[in-house]
PDB file of N, CA and C in Angstrom:
ATOM      1  N   UNK A   1      15.337  12.223   6.714  1.00  0.00           N
ATOM      2  CA  UNK A   1      13.907  12.387   6.523  1.00  0.00           C
ATOM      3  C   UNK A   1      13.140  11.423   7.430  1.00  0.00           C
ATOM      4  N   UNK A   2      11.985  11.871   7.855  1.00  0.00           N
ATOM      5  CA  UNK A   2      11.077  11.035   8.637  1.00  0.00           C
ATOM      6  C   UNK A   2       9.859  10.734   7.782  1.00  0.00           C
ATOM      7  N   UNK A   3       9.287   9.538   7.950  1.00  0.00           N
ATOM      8  CA  UNK A   3       8.116   9.151   7.163  1.00  0.00           C
ATOM      9  C   UNK A   3       7.033   8.591   8.085  1.00  0.00           C
ATOM     10  N   UNK A   4       5.786   8.837   7.712  1.00  0.00           N
ATOM     11  CA  UNK A   4       4.638   8.330   8.446  1.00  0.00           C
ATOM     12  C   UNK A   4       3.636   7.799   7.434  1.00  0.00           C
ATOM     13  N   UNK A   5       3.148   6.583   7.670  1.00  0.00           N
ATOM     14  CA  UNK A   5       2.152   5.971   6.788  1.00  0.00           C
ATOM     15  C   UNK A   5       0.939   5.598   7.628  1.00  0.00           C
ATOM     16  N   UNK A   6      -0.226   6.106   7.240  1.00  0.00           N
ATOM     17  CA  UNK A   6      -1.496   5.748   7.865  1.00  0.00           C
ATOM     18  C   UNK A   6      -2.378   5.143   6.781  1.00  0.00           C
ATOM     19  N   UNK A   7      -3.097   4.077   7.122  1.00  0.00           N
ATOM     20  CA  UNK A   7      -3.925   3.413   6.109  1.00  0.00           C
ATOM     21  C   UNK A   7      -5.136   2.758   6.763  1.00  0.00           C
ATOM     22  N   UNK A   8      -6.161   2.562   5.961  1.00  0.00           N
ATOM     23  CA  UNK A   8      -7.332   1.826   6.429  1.00  0.00           C
ATOM     24  C   UNK A   8      -7.184   0.354   6.058  1.00  0.00           C
ATOM     25  N   UNK A   9      -8.012  -0.477   6.653  1.00  0.00           N
ATOM     26  CA  UNK A   9      -7.909  -1.916   6.408  1.00  0.00           C
ATOM     27  C   UNK A   9      -8.283  -2.310   4.981  1.00  0.00           C
ATOM     28  N   UNK A  10      -8.838  -1.396   4.217  1.00  0.00           N
ATOM     29  CA  UNK A  10      -9.126  -1.706   2.809  1.00  0.00           C
ATOM     30  C   UNK A  10      -7.858  -1.988   2.017  1.00  0.00           C
ATOM     31  N   UNK A  11      -6.731  -1.413   2.433  1.00  0.00           N
ATOM     32  CA  UNK A  11      -5.445  -1.668   1.775  1.00  0.00           C
ATOM     33  C   UNK A  11      -5.003  -3.100   2.061  1.00  0.00           C
ATOM     34  N   UNK A  12      -4.919  -3.457   3.330  1.00  0.00           N
ATOM     35  CA  UNK A  12      -4.402  -4.778   3.699  1.00  0.00           C
ATOM     36  C   UNK A  12      -5.403  -5.902   3.444  1.00  0.00           C
ATOM     37  N   UNK A  13      -6.699  -5.590   3.393  1.00  0.00           N
ATOM     38  CA  UNK A  13      -7.717  -6.611   3.155  1.00  0.00           C
ATOM     39  C   UNK A  13      -8.037  -6.812   1.674  1.00  0.00           C
ATOM     40  N   UNK A  14      -7.344  -6.114   0.784  1.00  0.00           N
ATOM     41  CA  UNK A  14      -7.587  -6.296  -0.649  1.00  0.00           C
ATOM     42  C   UNK A  14      -7.315  -7.757  -1.017  1.00  0.00           C
ATOM     43  N   UNK A  15      -8.277  -8.390  -1.668  1.00  0.00           N
ATOM     44  CA  UNK A  15      -8.186  -9.816  -2.004  1.00  0.00           C
ATOM     45  C   UNK A  15      -7.824 -10.038  -3.463  1.00  0.00           C
ATOM     46  N   UNK A  16      -7.113 -11.144  -3.704  1.00  0.00           N
ATOM     47  CA  UNK A  16      -6.877 -11.559  -5.082  1.00  0.00           C
ATOM     48  C   UNK A  16      -7.897 -12.637  -5.449  1.00  0.00           C
ATOM     49  N   UNK A  17      -7.769 -13.208  -6.625  1.00  0.00           N
ATOM     50  CA  UNK A  17      -8.768 -14.188  -7.093  1.00  0.00           C
ATOM     51  C   UNK A  17      -8.750 -15.475  -6.271  1.00  0.00           C
ATOM     52  N   UNK A  18      -7.691 -15.707  -5.495  1.00  0.00           N
ATOM     53  CA  UNK A  18      -7.604 -16.888  -4.629  1.00  0.00           C
ATOM     54  C   UNK A  18      -8.044 -16.577  -3.200  1.00  0.00           C
ATOM     55  N   UNK A  19      -8.683 -15.420  -3.003  1.00  0.00           N
ATOM     56  CA  UNK A  19      -9.128 -14.951  -1.682  1.00  0.00           C
ATOM     57  C   UNK A  19      -7.979 -14.796  -0.694  1.00  0.00           C
ATOM     58  N   UNK A  20      -6.780 -14.502  -1.196  1.00  0.00           N
ATOM     59  CA  UNK A  20      -5.643 -14.173  -0.340  1.00  0.00           C
ATOM     60  C   UNK A  20      -5.649 -12.666  -0.145  1.00  0.00           C
ATOM     61  N   UNK A  21      -5.338 -12.223   1.070  1.00  0.00           N
ATOM     62  CA  UNK A  21      -5.322 -10.796   1.353  1.00  0.00           C
ATOM     63  C   UNK A  21      -3.940 -10.208   1.065  1.00  0.00           C
ATOM     64  N   UNK A  22      -3.927  -8.938   0.664  1.00  0.00           N
ATOM     65  CA  UNK A  22      -2.676  -8.215   0.450  1.00  0.00           C
ATOM     66  C   UNK A  22      -1.841  -8.254   1.729  1.00  0.00           C
ATOM     67  N   UNK A  23      -2.424  -7.945   2.845  1.00  0.00           N
ATOM     68  CA  UNK A  23      -1.823  -8.154   4.156  1.00  0.00           C
ATOM     69  C   UNK A  23      -0.819  -7.114   4.618  1.00  0.00           C
ATOM     70  N   UNK A  24      -0.634  -7.091   5.925  1.00  0.00           N
ATOM     71  CA  UNK A  24       0.293  -6.145   6.544  1.00  0.00           C
ATOM     72  C   UNK A  24       1.744  -6.463   6.202  1.00  0.00           C
ATOM     73  N   UNK A  25       2.094  -7.748   6.132  1.00  0.00           N
ATOM     74  CA  UNK A  25       3.479  -8.115   5.825  1.00  0.00           C
ATOM     75  C   UNK A  25       3.889  -7.607   4.444  1.00  0.00           C
ATOM     76  N   UNK A  26       3.005  -7.764   3.474  1.00  0.00           N
ATOM     77  CA  UNK A  26       3.320  -7.294   2.126  1.00  0.00           C
ATOM     78  C   UNK A  26       3.411  -5.767   2.099  1.00  0.00           C
ATOM     79  N   UNK A  27       2.536  -5.097   2.838  1.00  0.00           N
ATOM     80  CA  UNK A  27       2.574  -3.635   2.897  1.00  0.00           C
ATOM     81  C   UNK A  27       3.875  -3.160   3.546  1.00  0.00           C
ATOM     82  N   UNK A  28       4.273  -3.793   4.659  1.00  0.00           N
ATOM     83  CA  UNK A  28       5.537  -3.442   5.311  1.00  0.00           C
ATOM     84  C   UNK A  28       6.716  -3.674   4.369  1.00  0.00           C
ATOM     85  N   UNK A  29       6.682  -4.786   3.654  1.00  0.00           N
ATOM     86  CA  UNK A  29       7.754  -5.087   2.702  1.00  0.00           C
ATOM     87  C   UNK A  29       7.811  -4.033   1.603  1.00  0.00           C
ATOM     88  N   UNK A  30       6.651  -3.588   1.137  1.00  0.00           N
ATOM     89  CA  UNK A  30       6.615  -2.552   0.102  1.00  0.00           C
ATOM     90  C   UNK A  30       7.299  -1.280   0.598  1.00  0.00           C
ATOM     91  N   UNK A  31       7.040  -0.895   1.836  1.00  0.00           N
ATOM     92  CA  UNK A  31       7.606   0.346   2.367  1.00  0.00           C
ATOM     93  C   UNK A  31       9.021   0.171   2.910  1.00  0.00           C
ATOM     94  N   UNK A  32       9.571  -1.014   2.821  1.00  0.00           N
ATOM     95  CA  UNK A  32      10.935  -1.262   3.267  1.00  0.00           C
ATOM     96  C   UNK A  32      11.904  -1.009   2.106  1.00  0.00           C
ATOM     97  N   UNK A  33      12.007   0.238   1.706  1.00  0.00           N
ATOM     98  CA  UNK A  33      12.891   0.617   0.610  1.00  0.00           C
ATOM     99  C   UNK A  33      13.464   1.990   0.891  1.00  0.00           C
ATOM    100  N   UNK A  34      14.552   2.292   0.243  1.00  0.00           N
ATOM    101  CA  UNK A  34      15.183   3.610   0.365  1.00  0.00           C
ATOM    102  C   UNK A  34      15.009   4.314  -0.961  1.00  0.00           C
ATOM    103  N   UNK A  35      14.110   5.250  -1.012  1.00  0.00           N
ATOM    104  CA  UNK A  35      13.863   5.944  -2.263  1.00  0.00           C
ATOM    105  C   UNK A  35      13.351   7.337  -1.974  1.00  0.00           C
ATOM    106  N   UNK A  36      13.744   8.282  -2.804  1.00  0.00           N
ATOM    107  CA  UNK A  36      13.241   9.635  -2.674  1.00  0.00           C
ATOM    108  C   UNK A  36      11.972   9.848  -3.465  1.00  0.00           C
ATOM    109  N   UNK A  37      11.474   8.788  -4.097  1.00  0.00           N
ATOM    110  CA  UNK A  37      10.283   8.917  -4.933  1.00  0.00           C
ATOM    111  C   UNK A  37       9.014   8.804  -4.100  1.00  0.00           C
ATOM    112  N   UNK A  38       7.960   9.385  -4.616  1.00  0.00           N
ATOM    113  CA  UNK A  38       6.646   9.330  -3.988  1.00  0.00           C
ATOM    114  C   UNK A  38       6.088   7.910  -4.166  1.00  0.00           C
ATOM    115  N   UNK A  39       5.668   7.225  -3.083  1.00  0.00           N
ATOM    116  CA  UNK A  39       5.300   5.812  -3.165  1.00  0.00           C
ATOM    117  C   UNK A  39       3.840   5.507  -3.474  1.00  0.00           C
ATOM    118  N   UNK A  40       2.966   6.504  -3.526  1.00  0.00           N
ATOM    119  CA  UNK A  40       1.532   6.217  -3.648  1.00  0.00           C
ATOM    120  C   UNK A  40       1.194   5.492  -4.947  1.00  0.00           C
ATOM    121  N   UNK A  41       1.615   6.028  -6.077  1.00  0.00           N
ATOM    122  CA  UNK A  41       1.304   5.392  -7.367  1.00  0.00           C
ATOM    123  C   UNK A  41       1.907   3.988  -7.467  1.00  0.00           C
ATOM    124  N   UNK A  42       3.190   3.792  -7.076  1.00  0.00           N
ATOM    125  CA  UNK A  42       3.730   2.427  -7.110  1.00  0.00           C
ATOM    126  C   UNK A  42       2.977   1.460  -6.192  1.00  0.00           C
ATOM    127  N   UNK A  43       2.518   1.947  -5.028  1.00  0.00           N
ATOM    128  CA  UNK A  43       1.759   1.077  -4.133  1.00  0.00           C
ATOM    129  C   UNK A  43       0.423   0.696  -4.756  1.00  0.00           C
ATOM    130  N   UNK A  44      -0.280   1.651  -5.334  1.00  0.00           N
ATOM    131  CA  UNK A  44      -1.559   1.333  -5.992  1.00  0.00           C
ATOM    132  C   UNK A  44      -1.350   0.339  -7.125  1.00  0.00           C
ATOM    133  N   UNK A  45      -0.260   0.479  -7.858  1.00  0.00           N
ATOM    134  CA  UNK A  45       0.055  -0.474  -8.932  1.00  0.00           C
ATOM    135  C   UNK A  45       0.307  -1.854  -8.341  1.00  0.00           C
ATOM    136  N   UNK A  46       1.046  -1.924  -7.222  1.00  0.00           N
ATOM    137  CA  UNK A  46       1.327  -3.209  -6.588  1.00  0.00           C
ATOM    138  C   UNK A  46       0.039  -3.876  -6.109  1.00  0.00           C
ATOM    139  N   UNK A  47      -0.861  -3.094  -5.524  1.00  0.00           N
ATOM    140  CA  UNK A  47      -2.144  -3.646  -5.073  1.00  0.00           C
ATOM    141  C   UNK A  47      -2.951  -4.135  -6.268  1.00  0.00           C
ATOM    142  N   UNK A  48      -3.016  -3.349  -7.339  1.00  0.00           N
ATOM    143  CA  UNK A  48      -3.755  -3.759  -8.539  1.00  0.00           C
ATOM    144  C   UNK A  48      -3.150  -4.995  -9.175  1.00  0.00           C
ATOM    145  N   UNK A  49      -1.814  -5.085  -9.208  1.00  0.00           N
ATOM    146  CA  UNK A  49      -1.159  -6.281  -9.736  1.00  0.00           C
ATOM    147  C   UNK A  49      -1.491  -7.500  -8.883  1.00  0.00           C
ATOM    148  N   UNK A  50      -1.555  -7.312  -7.570  1.00  0.00           N
ATOM    149  CA  UNK A  50      -1.867  -8.406  -6.650  1.00  0.00           C
ATOM    150  C   UNK A  50      -3.310  -8.874  -6.820  1.00  0.00           C
ATOM    151  N   UNK A  51      -4.251  -7.928  -6.896  1.00  0.00           N
ATOM    152  CA  UNK A  51      -5.670  -8.298  -6.960  1.00  0.00           C
ATOM    153  C   UNK A  51      -6.093  -8.748  -8.354  1.00  0.00           C
ATOM    154  N   UNK A  52      -5.351  -8.366  -9.382  1.00  0.00           N
ATOM    155  CA  UNK A  52      -5.611  -8.757 -10.773  1.00  0.00           C
ATOM    156  C   UNK A  52      -7.083  -8.562 -11.175  1.00  0.00           C
ATOM    157  N   UNK A  53      -7.630  -7.409 -10.805  1.00  0.00           N
ATOM    158  CA  UNK A  53      -8.987  -7.087 -11.226  1.00  0.00           C
ATOM    159  C   UNK A  53     -10.086  -7.650 -10.348  1.00  0.00           C
ATOM    160  N   UNK A  54      -9.744  -8.358  -9.270  1.00  0.00           N
ATOM    161  CA  UNK A  54     -10.767  -8.861  -8.352  1.00  0.00           C
ATOM    162  C   UNK A  54     -11.525  -7.667  -7.782  1.00  0.00           C
ATOM    163  N   UNK A  55     -12.831  -7.785  -7.624  1.00  0.00           N
ATOM    164  CA  UNK A  55     -13.654  -6.676  -7.158  1.00  0.00           C
ATOM    165  C   UNK A  55     -13.199  -6.162  -5.801  1.00  0.00           C
ATOM    166  N   UNK A  56     -13.126  -4.836  -5.682  1.00  0.00           N
ATOM    167  CA  UNK A  56     -12.786  -4.183  -4.424  1.00  0.00           C
ATOM    168  C   UNK A  56     -14.043  -4.131  -3.570  1.00  0.00           C
ATOM    169  N   UNK A  57     -13.952  -4.603  -2.313  1.00  0.00           N
ATOM    170  CA  UNK A  57     -15.140  -4.640  -1.459  1.00  0.00           C
ATOM    171  C   UNK A  57     -15.093  -3.610  -0.341  1.00  0.00           C
ATOM    172  N   UNK A  58     -13.955  -2.916  -0.189  1.00  0.00           N
ATOM    173  CA  UNK A  58     -13.814  -1.966   0.906  1.00  0.00           C
ATOM    174  C   UNK A  58     -13.075  -0.741   0.380  1.00  0.00           C
ATOM    175  N   UNK A  59     -13.309   0.393   1.048  1.00  0.00           N
ATOM    176  CA  UNK A  59     -12.599   1.600   0.625  1.00  0.00           C
ATOM    177  C   UNK A  59     -11.126   1.479   0.998  1.00  0.00           C
ATOM    178  N   UNK A  60     -10.272   2.164   0.232  1.00  0.00           N
ATOM    179  CA  UNK A  60      -8.840   2.183   0.504  1.00  0.00           C
ATOM    180  C   UNK A  60      -8.418   3.624   0.719  1.00  0.00           C
ATOM    181  N   UNK A  61      -7.869   3.881   1.900  1.00  0.00           N
ATOM    182  CA  UNK A  61      -7.381   5.212   2.220  1.00  0.00           C
ATOM    183  C   UNK A  61      -5.948   5.087   2.708  1.00  0.00           C
ATOM    184  N   UNK A  62      -5.091   5.948   2.179  1.00  0.00           N
ATOM    185  CA  UNK A  62      -3.683   5.923   2.543  1.00  0.00           C
ATOM    186  C   UNK A  62      -3.192   7.347   2.668  1.00  0.00           C
ATOM    187  N   UNK A  63      -2.494   7.621   3.765  1.00  0.00           N
ATOM    188  CA  UNK A  63      -1.881   8.925   3.971  1.00  0.00           C
ATOM    189  C   UNK A  63      -0.395   8.686   4.156  1.00  0.00           C
ATOM    190  N   UNK A  64       0.415   9.343   3.328  1.00  0.00           N
ATOM    191  CA  UNK A  64       1.865   9.214   3.393  1.00  0.00           C
ATOM    192  C   UNK A  64       2.460  10.601   3.607  1.00  0.00           C
ATOM    193  N   UNK A  65       3.195  10.738   4.702  1.00  0.00           N
ATOM    194  CA  UNK A  65       3.836  12.018   5.008  1.00  0.00           C
ATOM    195  C   UNK A  65       5.340  11.835   5.075  1.00  0.00           C
ATOM    196  N   UNK A  66       6.065  12.738   4.455  1.00  0.00           N
ATOM    197  CA  UNK A  66       7.526  12.745   4.544  1.00  0.00           C
ATOM    198  C   UNK A  66       7.947  14.100   5.083  1.00  0.00           C
ATOM    199  N   UNK A  67       8.709  14.085   6.172  1.00  0.00           N
ATOM    200  CA  UNK A  67       9.213  15.303   6.775  1.00  0.00           C
ATOM    201  C   UNK A  67      10.685  15.393   6.429  1.00  0.00           C
ATOM    202  N   UNK A  68      11.034  16.403   5.677  1.00  0.00           N
ATOM    203  CA  UNK A  68      12.408  16.565   5.237  1.00  0.00           C
ATOM    204  C   UNK A  68      13.208  17.279   6.311  1.00  0.00           C
ATOM    205  N   UNK A  69      14.368  16.763   6.587  1.00  0.00           N
ATOM    206  CA  UNK A  69      15.276  17.339   7.581  1.00  0.00           C
ATOM    207  C   UNK A  69      16.386  18.100   6.855  1.00  0.00           C
ATOM    208  N   UNK A  70      16.029  19.172   6.187  1.00  0.00           N
ATOM    209  CA  UNK A  70      17.023  19.942   5.435  1.00  0.00           C
ATOM    210  C   UNK A  70      17.702  20.965   6.295  1.00  0.00           C
TER     211      UNK A  70
END
């Protein structure tokens, strides 16, 4: 399978209460897994866990495509 992830900076710029950003490294680490499951809901949960309710200041857009090689 091939995968493609496109996202806006609202994903990586999401801040927690200490003004730390979610960041590209954390996003890359999140997608560094082998799973047949759809990752959108787990990623949103990870971002929400990271921000712990801190106000969102930017829109978040994510496109995830999986091309199956059957």
